[in-house]
C-alpha atoms as a PDB file:
ATOM      1  CA  MET A   1      -6.206 -32.652 -52.102  1.00  0.00           C
ATOM      2  CA  ASN A   2      -9.568 -31.323 -50.927  1.00  0.00           C
ATOM      3  CA  ARG A   3     -10.781 -30.087 -48.486  1.00  0.00           C
ATOM      4  CA  THR A   4     -14.557 -29.871 -46.081  1.00  0.00           C
ATOM      5  CA  ILE A   5     -15.583 -26.512 -46.122  1.00  0.00           C
ATOM      6  CA  TYR A   6     -18.389 -25.045 -43.642  1.00  0.00           C
ATOM      7  CA  CYS A   7     -20.087 -21.932 -44.213  1.00  0.00           C
ATOM      8  CA  GLU A   8     -21.895 -21.001 -40.822  1.00  0.00           C
ATOM      9  CA  ALA A   9     -23.804 -18.527 -41.899  1.00  0.00           C
ATOM     10  CA  ILE A  10     -25.985 -20.511 -44.080  1.00  0.00           C
ATOM     11  CA  ASP A  11     -25.352 -23.684 -42.568  1.00  0.00           C
ATOM     12  CA  HIS A  12     -23.571 -25.105 -45.533  1.00  0.00           C
ATOM     13  CA  TYR A  13     -21.147 -27.926 -46.015  1.00  0.00           C
ATOM     14  CA  PHE A  14     -19.110 -28.213 -49.168  1.00  0.00           C
ATOM     15  CA  ILE A  15     -16.022 -29.386 -51.158  1.00  0.00           C
ATOM     16  CA  LEU A  16     -13.141 -27.245 -51.916  1.00  0.00           C
ATOM     17  CA  ALA A  17      -9.873 -27.709 -53.837  1.00  0.00           C
ATOM     18  CA  THR A  18      -6.660 -26.872 -51.880  1.00  0.00           C
ATOM     19  CA  ARG A  19      -5.819 -24.376 -54.427  1.00  0.00           C
ATOM     20  CA  PRO A  20      -9.803 -22.946 -55.901  1.00  0.00           C
ATOM     21  CA  ALA A  21      -8.525 -22.511 -59.926  1.00  0.00           C
ATOM     22  CA  ARG A  22     -12.505 -21.021 -60.497  1.00  0.00           C
ATOM     23  CA  VAL A  23     -13.835 -18.450 -58.141  1.00  0.00           C
ATOM     24  CA  VAL A  24     -17.168 -16.669 -58.794  1.00  0.00           C
ATOM     25  CA  SER A  25     -17.456 -13.742 -57.321  1.00  0.00           C
ATOM     26  CA  LEU A  26     -20.391 -11.877 -56.715  1.00  0.00           C
ATOM     27  CA  LEU A  27     -18.685  -9.564 -53.732  1.00  0.00           C
ATOM     28  CA  PRO A  28     -17.021  -6.365 -54.994  1.00  0.00           C
ATOM     29  CA  PHE A  29     -14.391  -6.850 -51.434  1.00  0.00           C
ATOM     30  CA  ALA A  30     -13.362 -10.556 -52.939  1.00  0.00           C
ATOM     31  CA  THR A  31     -12.824  -9.490 -56.143  1.00  0.00           C
ATOM     32  CA  GLU A  32     -10.663  -6.763 -55.290  1.00  0.00           C
ATOM     33  CA  THR A  33      -9.047  -8.667 -52.585  1.00  0.00           C
ATOM     34  CA  LEU A  34      -8.127 -11.358 -55.036  1.00  0.00           C
ATOM     35  CA  HIS A  35      -7.015  -9.072 -57.755  1.00  0.00           C
ATOM     36  CA  THR A  36      -4.722  -7.410 -54.871  1.00  0.00           C
ATOM     37  CA  MET A  37      -2.803 -10.853 -53.963  1.00  0.00           C
ATOM     38  CA  GLY A  38      -2.162 -11.629 -57.347  1.00  0.00           C
ATOM     39  CA  LEU A  39      -5.141 -14.288 -57.778  1.00  0.00           C
ATOM     40  CA  ALA A  40      -7.421 -12.786 -60.271  1.00  0.00           C
ATOM     41  CA  ASP A  41      -6.817 -15.530 -62.852  1.00  0.00           C
ATOM     42  CA  SER A  42      -8.827 -17.265 -60.585  1.00  0.00           C
ATOM     43  CA  LEU A  43     -11.917 -15.435 -61.389  1.00  0.00           C
ATOM     44  CA  VAL A  44     -13.796 -16.739 -63.792  1.00  0.00           C
ATOM     45  CA  GLY A  45     -17.169 -15.340 -63.036  1.00  0.00           C
ATOM     46  CA  ALA A  46     -18.256 -11.806 -61.384  1.00  0.00           C
ATOM     47  CA  SER A  47     -21.144  -9.509 -60.584  1.00  0.00           C
ATOM     48  CA  GLU A  48     -22.201  -6.382 -62.603  1.00  0.00           C
ATOM     49  CA  TYR A  49     -20.487  -4.115 -59.418  1.00  0.00           C
ATOM     50  CA  CYS A  50     -17.659  -5.862 -58.831  1.00  0.00           C
ATOM     51  CA  ARG A  51     -16.676  -5.025 -62.350  1.00  0.00           C
ATOM     52  CA  ARG A  52     -17.629  -1.273 -61.690  1.00  0.00           C
ATOM     53  CA  TYR A  53     -15.121  -1.347 -57.980  1.00  0.00           C
ATOM     54  CA  VAL A  54     -12.302  -3.530 -60.177  1.00  0.00           C
ATOM     55  CA  PRO A  55     -11.579  -1.402 -63.487  1.00  0.00           C
ATOM     56  CA  GLU A  56      -9.458  -3.617 -64.471  1.00  0.00           C
ATOM     57  CA  LEU A  57     -11.919  -7.042 -63.982  1.00  0.00           C
ATOM     58  CA  GLU A  58     -11.623  -9.715 -67.049  1.00  0.00           C
ATOM     59  CA  ALA A  59     -14.189 -12.200 -65.795  1.00  0.00           C
ATOM     60  CA  PRO A  60     -17.510 -12.006 -67.451  1.00  0.00           C
ATOM     61  CA  VAL A  61     -20.748 -10.923 -65.551  1.00  0.00           C
ATOM     62  CA  VAL A  62     -22.864 -13.312 -64.381  1.00  0.00           C
ATOM     63  CA  GLY A  63     -25.467 -11.297 -62.214  1.00  0.00           C
ATOM     64  CA  GLN A  64     -26.160  -8.563 -60.056  1.00  0.00           C
ATOM     65  CA  TYR A  65     -25.692  -8.073 -56.527  1.00  0.00           C
ATOM     66  CA  VAL A  66     -28.719  -9.688 -55.491  1.00  0.00           C
ATOM     67  CA  TYR A  67     -29.456 -11.726 -58.300  1.00  0.00           C
ATOM     68  CA  CYS A  68     -27.047 -13.775 -60.732  1.00  0.00           C
ATOM     69  CA  ASP A  69     -28.241 -16.274 -64.042  1.00  0.00           C
ATOM     70  CA  ILE A  70     -27.474 -19.522 -62.309  1.00  0.00           C
ATOM     71  CA  ASP A  71     -27.610 -21.983 -65.044  1.00  0.00           C
ATOM     72  CA  LYS A  72     -24.451 -19.354 -66.240  1.00  0.00           C
ATOM     73  CA  ILE A  73     -22.391 -19.836 -63.439  1.00  0.00           C
ATOM     74  CA  LYS A  74     -23.253 -23.754 -63.390  1.00  0.00           C
ATOM     75  CA  VAL A  75     -21.628 -23.979 -66.748  1.00  0.00           C
ATOM     76  CA  LEU A  76     -18.510 -21.948 -65.098  1.00  0.00           C
ATOM     77  CA  LYS A  77     -17.942 -25.021 -63.384  1.00  0.00           C
ATOM     78  CA  PRO A  78     -16.874 -22.647 -59.912  1.00  0.00           C
ATOM     79  CA  SER A  79     -15.187 -24.359 -57.668  1.00  0.00           C
ATOM     80  CA  LEU A  80     -16.140 -21.326 -55.421  1.00  0.00           C
ATOM     81  CA  ILE A  81     -18.422 -18.797 -55.043  1.00  0.00           C
ATOM     82  CA  LEU A  82     -17.687 -15.813 -52.849  1.00  0.00           C
ATOM     83  CA  THR A  83     -21.161 -13.506 -51.414  1.00  0.00           C
ATOM     84  CA  THR A  84     -21.597 -11.963 -48.120  1.00  0.00           C
ATOM     85  CA  ASN A  85     -24.561 -11.762 -45.692  1.00  0.00           C
ATOM     86  CA  GLY A  86     -27.174  -8.829 -45.349  1.00  0.00           C
ATOM     87  CA  ILE A  87     -29.067  -8.383 -48.711  1.00  0.00           C
ATOM     88  CA  GLN A  88     -26.893 -11.514 -50.374  1.00  0.00           C
ATOM     89  CA  ARG A  89     -28.101 -13.938 -47.926  1.00  0.00           C
ATOM     90  CA  ASN A  90     -31.266 -15.217 -49.873  1.00  0.00           C
ATOM     91  CA  LEU A  91     -28.728 -15.361 -53.028  1.00  0.00           C
ATOM     92  CA  ALA A  92     -26.321 -17.113 -51.080  1.00  0.00           C
ATOM     93  CA  ASN A  93     -29.293 -19.847 -49.843  1.00  0.00           C
ATOM     94  CA  GLN A  94     -30.672 -20.177 -53.511  1.00  0.00           C
ATOM     95  CA  LEU A  95     -27.025 -21.220 -54.585  1.00  0.00           C
ATOM     96  CA  ALA A  96     -26.678 -23.538 -51.379  1.00  0.00           C
ATOM     97  CA  ARG A  97     -29.699 -25.253 -52.462  1.00  0.00           C
ATOM     98  CA  GLU A  98     -28.617 -25.890 -56.071  1.00  0.00           C
ATOM     99  CA  GLY A  99     -25.255 -28.016 -54.855  1.00  0.00           C
ATOM    100  CA  LEU A 100     -22.928 -24.721 -55.362  1.00  0.00           C
ATOM    101  CA  PRO A 101     -20.234 -24.299 -53.285  1.00  0.00           C
ATOM    102  CA  VAL A 102     -21.162 -20.596 -51.917  1.00  0.00           C
ATOM    103  CA  PHE A 103     -18.863 -19.370 -49.003  1.00  0.00           C
ATOM    104  CA  VAL A 104     -20.930 -16.345 -47.076  1.00  0.00           C
ATOM    105  CA  LEU A 105     -17.756 -13.463 -45.936  1.00  0.00           C
ATOM    106  CA  PRO A 106     -19.777 -11.527 -43.446  1.00  0.00           C
ATOM    107  CA  LEU A 107     -20.502  -7.649 -43.443  1.00  0.00           C
ATOM    108  CA  PRO A 108     -17.592  -5.832 -41.894  1.00  0.00           C
ATOM    109  CA  GLN A 109     -18.591  -3.205 -38.433  1.00  0.00           C
ATOM    110  CA  SER A 110     -14.716  -1.981 -38.236  1.00  0.00           C
ATOM    111  CA  PHE A 111     -11.275  -1.879 -40.402  1.00  0.00           C
ATOM    112  CA  TYR A 112     -10.505  -5.179 -38.395  1.00  0.00           C
ATOM    113  CA  GLY A 113     -13.373  -6.788 -39.708  1.00  0.00           C
ATOM    114  CA  ILE A 114     -11.924  -6.006 -43.502  1.00  0.00           C
ATOM    115  CA  LEU A 115      -8.447  -7.437 -42.122  1.00  0.00           C
ATOM    116  CA  GLU A 116     -10.311 -10.458 -40.578  1.00  0.00           C
ATOM    117  CA  ASN A 117     -12.334 -10.895 -44.094  1.00  0.00           C
ATOM    118  CA  ILE A 118      -8.787 -11.091 -45.685  1.00  0.00           C
ATOM    119  CA  ARG A 119      -7.513 -13.969 -43.846  1.00  0.00           C
ATOM    120  CA  VAL A 120     -10.813 -15.780 -44.551  1.00  0.00           C
ATOM    121  CA  LEU A 121     -10.369 -15.491 -48.145  1.00  0.00           C
ATOM    122  CA  GLY A 122      -6.773 -16.635 -47.817  1.00  0.00           C
ATOM    123  CA  ARG A 123      -7.593 -19.338 -45.783  1.00  0.00           C
ATOM    124  CA  LEU A 124     -10.147 -20.174 -48.758  1.00  0.00           C
ATOM    125  CA  MET A 125      -7.581 -19.761 -51.456  1.00  0.00           C
ATOM    126  CA  ASN A 126      -5.009 -21.565 -50.000  1.00  0.00           C
ATOM    127  CA  GLN A 127      -2.824 -18.186 -49.533  1.00  0.00           C
ATOM    128  CA  LEU A 128      -2.538 -17.537 -46.036  1.00  0.00           C
ATOM    129  CA  GLU A 129       0.846 -15.848 -46.342  1.00  0.00           C
ATOM    130  CA  GLU A 130      -0.287 -13.675 -49.183  1.00  0.00           C
ATOM    131  CA  ALA A 131      -2.904 -12.144 -46.654  1.00  0.00           C
ATOM    132  CA  ARG A 132      -1.082 -12.082 -43.835  1.00  0.00           C
ATOM    133  CA  THR A 133       0.990  -9.519 -45.945  1.00  0.00           C
ATOM    134  CA  LEU A 134      -1.484  -7.765 -47.052  1.00  0.00           C
ATOM    135  CA  THR A 135      -3.011  -7.171 -43.745  1.00  0.00           C
ATOM    136  CA  ALA A 136       0.450  -5.981 -42.343  1.00  0.00           C
ATOM    137  CA  SER A 137       0.356  -3.621 -45.326  1.00  0.00           C
ATOM    138  CA  LEU A 138      -2.667  -1.931 -44.408  1.00  0.00           C
ATOM    139  CA  THR A 139      -2.444  -2.110 -40.521  1.00  0.00           C
ATOM    140  CA  GLU A 140       1.189  -0.067 -41.134  1.00  0.00           C
ATOM    141  CA  ARG A 141      -0.669   2.190 -43.778  1.00  0.00           C
ATOM    142  CA  VAL A 142      -3.467   3.025 -41.038  1.00  0.00           C
ATOM    143  CA  ASN A 143      -0.336   3.408 -38.365  1.00  0.00           C
ATOM    144  CA  ILE A 144       1.440   5.978 -40.431  1.00  0.00           C
ATOM    145  CA  LEU A 145      -1.940   7.894 -40.943  1.00  0.00           C
ATOM    146  CA  ARG A 146      -2.779   7.884 -37.011  1.00  0.00           C
ATOM    147  CA  GLN A 147       0.749   8.922 -36.849  1.00  0.00           C
ATOM    148  CA  ASN A 148       0.382  11.940 -39.315  1.00  0.00           C
ATOM    149  CA  ALA A 149      -2.951  13.071 -37.882  1.00  0.00           C
ATOM    150  CA  PRO A 150      -3.188  16.893 -37.266  1.00  0.00           C
ATOM    151  CA  ALA A 151      -4.085  17.711 -33.530  1.00  0.00           C
ATOM    152  CA  ARG A 152      -7.425  19.138 -34.567  1.00  0.00           C
ATOM    153  CA  ARG A 153      -9.875  16.568 -35.970  1.00  0.00           C
ATOM    154  CA  PRO A 154     -12.854  17.769 -38.129  1.00  0.00           C
ATOM    155  CA  ARG A 155     -16.250  17.165 -37.166  1.00  0.00           C
ATOM    156  CA  VAL A 156     -17.973  14.904 -39.927  1.00  0.00           C
ATOM    157  CA  TYR A 157     -21.332  14.274 -41.426  1.00  0.00           C
ATOM    158  CA  VAL A 158     -21.159  11.561 -44.128  1.00  0.00           C
ATOM    159  CA  GLU A 159     -24.148  10.634 -46.507  1.00  0.00           C
ATOM    160  CA  ILE A 160     -24.383   7.824 -48.649  1.00  0.00           C
ATOM    161  CA  TRP A 161     -26.949   8.001 -51.908  1.00  0.00           C
ATOM    162  CA  VAL A 162     -26.661   3.912 -53.276  1.00  0.00           C
ATOM    163  CA  ASP A 163     -29.788   3.165 -55.566  1.00  0.00           C
ATOM    164  CA  GLY A 164     -31.126   6.491 -55.379  1.00  0.00           C
ATOM    165  CA  GLU A 165     -31.363   5.920 -51.233  1.00  0.00           C
ATOM    166  CA  MET A 166     -29.969   8.251 -48.236  1.00  0.00           C
ATOM    167  CA  HIS A 167     -28.298   7.143 -45.346  1.00  0.00           C
ATOM    168  CA  THR A 168     -26.084   8.510 -43.021  1.00  0.00           C
ATOM    169  CA  VAL A 169     -23.392   6.513 -41.121  1.00  0.00           C
ATOM    170  CA  GLY A 170     -23.213   5.543 -37.419  1.00  0.00           C
ATOM    171  CA  GLY A 171     -20.638   3.814 -35.308  1.00  0.00           C
ATOM    172  CA  GLY A 172     -21.700   0.343 -35.833  1.00  0.00           C
ATOM    173  CA  SER A 173     -20.165   0.462 -39.423  1.00  0.00           C
ATOM    174  CA  TYR A 174     -16.502   0.431 -40.720  1.00  0.00           C
ATOM    175  CA  ILE A 175     -16.525   3.984 -42.515  1.00  0.00           C
ATOM    176  CA  GLN A 176     -16.719   5.409 -39.094  1.00  0.00           C
ATOM    177  CA  ASP A 177     -12.856   3.475 -38.603  1.00  0.00           C
ATOM    178  CA  LEU A 178     -12.011   4.991 -42.262  1.00  0.00           C
ATOM    179  CA  VAL A 179     -13.202   8.673 -41.198  1.00  0.00           C
ATOM    180  CA  ASP A 180     -11.137   7.946 -37.691  1.00  0.00           C
ATOM    181  CA  ILE A 181      -8.627   6.881 -39.385  1.00  0.00           C
ATOM    182  CA  ALA A 182      -7.988   9.700 -41.717  1.00  0.00           C
ATOM    183  CA  GLY A 183      -8.084  12.183 -38.904  1.00  0.00           C
ATOM    184  CA  GLY A 184     -11.687  13.056 -38.273  1.00  0.00           C
ATOM    185  CA  ASP A 185     -14.187  12.488 -35.979  1.00  0.00           C
ATOM    186  CA  LEU A 186     -18.106  11.330 -36.957  1.00  0.00           C
ATOM    187  CA  ILE A 187     -21.313  13.096 -35.680  1.00  0.00           C
ATOM    188  CA  TYR A 188     -22.813  10.106 -35.357  1.00  0.00           C
ATOM    189  CA  ARG A 189     -19.888   8.061 -34.029  1.00  0.00           C
ATOM    190  CA  ASP A 190     -21.542   7.086 -30.827  1.00  0.00           C
ATOM    191  CA  ASN A 191     -24.858   5.722 -32.463  1.00  0.00           C
ATOM    192  CA  SER A 192     -24.726   2.211 -32.206  1.00  0.00           C
ATOM    193  CA  THR A 193     -26.223   1.114 -35.412  1.00  0.00           C
ATOM    194  CA  ASP A 194     -24.182   1.269 -38.808  1.00  0.00           C
ATOM    195  CA  TYR A 195     -26.592   3.202 -41.282  1.00  0.00           C
ATOM    196  CA  LEU A 196     -29.715   5.438 -40.312  1.00  0.00           C
ATOM    197  CA  VAL A 197     -32.040   8.150 -41.728  1.00  0.00           C
ATOM    198  CA  PRO A 198     -30.688  11.344 -40.471  1.00  0.00           C
ATOM    199  CA  ASP A 199     -32.475  13.605 -37.988  1.00  0.00           C
ATOM    200  CA  PHE A 200     -31.543  17.296 -40.264  1.00  0.00           C
ATOM    201  CA  ASP A 201     -31.938  19.044 -37.364  1.00  0.00           C
ATOM    202  CA  TYR A 202     -29.507  16.946 -35.314  1.00  0.00           C
ATOM    203  CA  VAL A 203     -27.077  17.350 -37.958  1.00  0.00           C
ATOM    204  CA  ALA A 204     -27.568  21.041 -37.655  1.00  0.00           C
ATOM    205  CA  SER A 205     -26.667  21.302 -33.754  1.00  0.00           C
ATOM    206  CA  GLN A 206     -23.843  18.914 -34.268  1.00  0.00           C
ATOM    207  CA  LYS A 207     -22.149  21.814 -36.469  1.00  0.00           C
ATOM    208  CA  PRO A 208     -20.310  19.460 -38.751  1.00  0.00           C
ATOM    209  CA  ASP A 209     -17.019  21.183 -40.375  1.00  0.00           C
ATOM    210  CA  VAL A 210     -16.670  18.659 -43.203  1.00  0.00           C
ATOM    211  CA  TYR A 211     -19.622  17.088 -45.353  1.00  0.00           C
ATOM    212  CA  LEU A 212     -18.877  14.163 -46.964  1.00  0.00           C
ATOM    213  CA  PHE A 213     -21.453  12.713 -49.240  1.00  0.00           C
ATOM    214  CA  PHE A 214     -21.092   9.456 -52.034  1.00  0.00           C
ATOM    215  CA  HIS A 215     -22.784   8.647 -55.039  1.00  0.00           C
ATOM    216  CA  GLU A 216     -23.131   6.713 -57.877  1.00  0.00           C
ATOM    217  CA  PRO A 217     -23.104   7.972 -61.151  1.00  0.00           C
ATOM    218  CA  GLU A 218     -26.756   7.390 -61.861  1.00  0.00           C
ATOM    219  CA  TYR A 219     -27.530   9.519 -58.967  1.00  0.00           C
ATOM    220  CA  GLU A 220     -25.771  12.683 -59.612  1.00  0.00           C
ATOM    221  CA  LEU A 221     -26.057  14.861 -56.572  1.00  0.00           C
ATOM    222  CA  ASN A 222     -25.905  18.695 -55.788  1.00  0.00           C
ATOM    223  CA  ALA A 223     -24.231  18.645 -52.394  1.00  0.00           C
ATOM    224  CA  GLU A 224     -24.800  22.678 -52.147  1.00  0.00           C
ATOM    225  CA  GLU A 225     -28.271  22.555 -53.434  1.00  0.00           C
ATOM    226  CA  LEU A 226     -29.190  19.682 -50.567  1.00  0.00           C
ATOM    227  CA  ILE A 227     -27.330  21.782 -47.879  1.00  0.00           C
ATOM    228  CA  PHE A 228     -29.193  25.122 -48.753  1.00  0.00           C
ATOM    229  CA  GLN A 229     -32.438  22.945 -48.646  1.00  0.00           C
ATOM    230  CA  ARG A 230     -31.687  21.760 -45.393  1.00  0.00           C
ATOM    231  CA  GLN A 231     -30.394  25.205 -43.512  1.00  0.00           C
ATOM    232  CA  TRP A 232     -27.296  23.997 -42.769  1.00  0.00           C
ATOM    233  CA  ASP A 233     -23.942  25.724 -42.705  1.00  0.00           C
ATOM    234  CA  MET A 234     -23.225  26.500 -46.063  1.00  0.00           C
ATOM    235  CA  ASP A 235     -19.078  27.300 -44.732  1.00  0.00           C
ATOM    236  CA  SER A 236     -18.614  23.770 -43.824  1.00  0.00           C
ATOM    237  CA  GLN A 237     -16.270  21.971 -46.216  1.00  0.00           C
ATOM    238  CA  ILE A 238     -17.759  19.722 -48.873  1.00  0.00           C
ATOM    239  CA  ILE A 239     -16.366  16.484 -50.010  1.00  0.00           C
ATOM    240  CA  LEU A 240     -18.006  14.185 -53.018  1.00  0.00           C
ATOM    241  CA  SER A 241     -16.848  10.845 -52.852  1.00  0.00           C
ATOM    242  CA  THR A 242     -18.024   7.718 -56.091  1.00  0.00           C
ATOM    243  CA  VAL A 243     -17.071   4.602 -57.349  1.00  0.00           C
ATOM    244  CA  THR A 244     -13.646   5.825 -58.250  1.00  0.00           C
ATOM    245  CA  PRO A 245     -11.038   3.222 -56.780  1.00  0.00           C
ATOM    246  CA  GLY A 246      -9.115   5.216 -54.058  1.00  0.00           C
ATOM    247  CA  LYS A 247     -11.947   8.049 -53.354  1.00  0.00           C
ATOM    248  CA  ASN A 248     -14.890   5.416 -52.432  1.00  0.00           C
ATOM    249  CA  ILE A 249     -15.560   5.342 -49.166  1.00  0.00           C
ATOM    250  CA  ILE A 250     -17.897   2.344 -49.471  1.00  0.00           C
ATOM    251  CA  GLN A 251     -15.891  -0.149 -50.692  1.00  0.00           C
ATOM    252  CA  ASP A 252     -14.729  -2.239 -48.185  1.00  0.00           C
ATOM    253  CA  GLY A 253     -11.842  -3.905 -50.043  1.00  0.00           C
ATOM    254  CA  PRO A 254      -7.492  -3.286 -49.703  1.00  0.00           C
ATOM    255  CA  SER A 255      -8.316  -0.154 -51.419  1.00  0.00           C
ATOM    256  CA  ILE A 256      -9.801   1.772 -48.633  1.00  0.00           C
ATOM    257  CA  LEU A 257      -6.639   2.522 -47.537  1.00  0.00           C
ATOM    258  CA  ASP A 258      -6.318   4.703 -50.645  1.00  0.00           C
ATOM    259  CA  THR A 259      -9.295   6.133 -49.770  1.00  0.00           C
ATOM    260  CA  ALA A 260      -8.326   6.818 -46.443  1.00  0.00           C
ATOM    261  CA  GLU A 261      -5.045   8.207 -47.783  1.00  0.00           C
ATOM    262  CA  TRP A 262      -7.058  10.344 -50.021  1.00  0.00           C
ATOM    263  CA  LEU A 263      -9.547  11.475 -47.472  1.00  0.00           C
ATOM    264  CA  HIS A 264      -6.937  12.902 -44.883  1.00  0.00           C
ATOM    265  CA  GLN A 265      -5.577  15.150 -47.557  1.00  0.00           C
ATOM    266  CA  GLN A 266      -9.211  16.033 -48.175  1.00  0.00           C
ATOM    267  CA  LEU A 267      -9.580  16.497 -44.133  1.00  0.00           C
ATOM    268  CA  HIS A 268      -6.632  18.510 -43.368  1.00  0.00           C
ATOM    269  CA  ALA A 269      -5.621  20.569 -46.593  1.00  0.00           C
END
């Protein structure tokens, strides 16, 4: 039996099989979640970024994060294409104009937004029980981390470098929740934006205990040199995060709890 699906984000209707068997995921979150739920066999195409964050991915690459080979996707005859909003919205609209079955998952603003996306993906794949089981497991692991958090919570500055551009994290990002779950306090936690360009003088005034840097392999950075140039406290702890699963603070899939557990160990070693 088929279902009529409405994607409000791009005002798009399409017909979806009860059990979608041919999924193209241009979204690392969705790719990782499908793998975690035992649905890797349904993937027939993915983005290059998906392969970076899900090393065991076998589906062929059909594009990057913001563009793809639509003709290659059409040859795959997908029953469902997964994207997110933000900078992928234009791509999603382009796919919808081609009459393709594309669904846009929202960018999560919190850990609970990640759980909600897992539930939505479970509904699309008609795997609601598997989605419930996964979200319950992640929630239980969060509760354990919170129960075991030391009383002293280090103040944490987070800086992410993506495509050679630098931002820090505000209170409107799920990364704020990641730091909180791991037992730290983000220095920009009361800033209502998700990502912003930091004020270096403000950062210095907050006297962070920890500098947490994310970088991609193509953009290696020297954290110590950056801290020295900005005249920040050189005695604060430095933690480096990259695309390695379980140490990747920007990946919002189920492995975020592996990252939270790793970060908890780093913050409270």
